[in-house]
Amino acid sequence: MALSDPICPLCGRPIPPDVPQSLHHLIPKLKGGKGGPVVLLHHICHKEIHAALTEAELARDYNTPEALRAHPRLAKFYKWVAKRPPGFASKVPGARRKR
């Protein structure tokens, strides 16, 4: 792990360059967030956000890393995934929520 690896704002683990990662629009693009603030997340953390919340919920109530971490399902997830190595990947349970 390099000292300069970014830290995932959801789980708090470093994001090495060789692990799956993605940019999350804090306000979904479909809800006017195109060109708005983004955060770099582990891909697994990003998938969990979209499995747990609709685009409308993200735009309205969960448009900051702090709000995302406070969501009950995401809080349970990041406490679980924080014990895994940074490159850990897994299927996200449950179907993706509708936009």
Protein backbone atom coordinates (compact mmCIF):
# COMPACT_ATOMS: atom_id res chain seq x y z
CA MET A 1 0.00 0.00 0.00
CA ALA A 2 1.41 3.36 -1.02
CA LEU A 3 1.09 6.33 1.28
CA SER A 4 -0.65 8.22 -1.50
CA ASP A 5 -3.44 5.69 -2.08
CA PRO A 6 -6.80 7.46 -1.81
CA ILE A 7 -9.10 6.43 1.05
CA CYS A 8 -12.62 5.21 0.31
CA PRO A 9 -15.05 7.63 2.01
CA LEU A 10 -17.55 4.81 2.65
CA CYS A 11 -15.43 2.06 4.24
CA GLY A 12 -12.27 3.98 5.15
CA ARG A 13 -9.94 1.46 3.47
CA PRO A 14 -7.20 2.56 1.05
CA ILE A 15 -7.91 2.22 -2.67
CA PRO A 16 -4.73 0.86 -4.34
CA PRO A 17 -4.48 1.52 -8.09
CA ASP A 18 -4.87 -2.18 -8.96
CA VAL A 19 -8.25 -2.76 -7.29
CA PRO A 20 -11.65 -2.17 -8.92
CA GLN A 21 -12.73 1.39 -8.21
CA SER A 22 -15.29 3.83 -9.54
CA LEU A 23 -16.40 7.43 -9.25
CA HIS A 24 -19.71 8.05 -7.49
CA HIS A 25 -21.67 11.21 -8.30
CA LEU A 26 -22.92 12.51 -4.94
CA ILE A 27 -25.96 13.84 -6.79
CA PRO A 28 -26.91 11.28 -9.46
CA LYS A 29 -26.43 12.41 -13.06
CA LEU A 30 -30.08 11.60 -13.77
CA LYS A 31 -31.08 14.02 -11.00
CA GLY A 32 -28.97 16.97 -12.19
CA GLY A 33 -25.59 15.93 -10.82
CA LYS A 34 -23.70 15.80 -14.13
CA GLY A 35 -20.53 17.81 -13.61
CA GLY A 36 -21.20 17.89 -9.86
CA PRO A 37 -19.04 16.54 -7.03
CA VAL A 38 -17.77 12.97 -7.25
CA VAL A 39 -15.95 10.69 -4.81
CA LEU A 40 -13.67 7.76 -5.58
CA LEU A 41 -14.92 4.50 -4.05
CA HIS A 42 -14.07 0.82 -4.13
CA HIS A 43 -16.27 -0.69 -6.82
CA ILE A 44 -17.87 -3.00 -4.22
CA CYS A 45 -18.76 0.02 -2.04
CA HIS A 46 -20.23 1.85 -5.05
CA LYS A 47 -22.34 -1.18 -6.01
CA GLU A 48 -23.67 -1.42 -2.44
CA ILE A 49 -24.75 2.24 -2.48
CA HIS A 50 -26.78 1.70 -5.65
CA ALA A 51 -28.20 -1.60 -4.38
CA ALA A 52 -29.42 0.11 -1.19
CA LEU A 53 -30.74 3.43 -2.49
CA THR A 54 -32.73 4.79 -5.43
CA GLU A 55 -31.46 7.70 -7.50
CA ALA A 56 -34.15 9.91 -5.91
CA GLU A 57 -33.06 8.93 -2.37
CA LEU A 58 -29.44 9.59 -3.26
CA ALA A 59 -30.24 13.05 -4.67
CA ARG A 60 -32.58 14.03 -1.83
CA ASP A 61 -31.13 12.52 1.35
CA TYR A 62 -27.81 10.79 0.73
CA ASN A 63 -25.68 13.26 -1.23
CA THR A 64 -22.67 13.41 1.12
CA PRO A 65 -20.26 10.69 2.29
CA GLU A 66 -21.43 11.35 5.88
CA ALA A 67 -25.08 10.78 4.96
CA LEU A 68 -24.20 7.59 3.08
CA ARG A 69 -22.28 6.26 6.10
CA ALA A 70 -25.30 7.02 8.33
CA HIS A 71 -27.71 4.89 6.25
CA PRO A 72 -28.48 1.70 8.27
CA ARG A 73 -27.76 -0.81 5.46
CA LEU A 74 -24.60 1.01 4.36
CA ALA A 75 -23.38 1.37 7.96
CA LYS A 76 -23.72 -2.39 8.43
CA PHE A 77 -21.96 -2.99 5.08
CA TYR A 78 -18.97 -0.72 5.68
CA LYS A 79 -18.39 -2.14 9.15
CA TRP A 80 -18.33 -5.61 7.57
CA VAL A 81 -16.20 -4.72 4.53
CA ALA A 82 -13.72 -2.66 6.57
CA LYS A 83 -12.35 -5.98 7.93
CA ARG A 84 -11.57 -7.17 4.38
CA PRO A 85 -8.39 -6.40 2.38
CA PRO A 86 -8.58 -3.37 0.03
CA GLY A 87 -8.83 -5.60 -3.05
CA PHE A 88 -11.73 -7.66 -1.69
CA ALA A 89 -14.59 -8.08 -4.16
CA SER A 90 -17.89 -9.87 -3.75
CA LYS A 91 -21.33 -9.99 -5.27
CA VAL A 92 -23.74 -7.49 -3.76
CA PRO A 93 -26.85 -9.31 -2.48
CA GLY A 94 -30.26 -8.28 -3.72
CA ALA A 95 -31.35 -6.72 -6.95
CA ARG A 96 -30.25 -3.25 -7.98
CA ARG A 97 -32.86 -0.64 -7.13
CA LYS A 98 -34.86 0.99 -9.90
CA ARG A 99 -33.87 4.45 -11.07
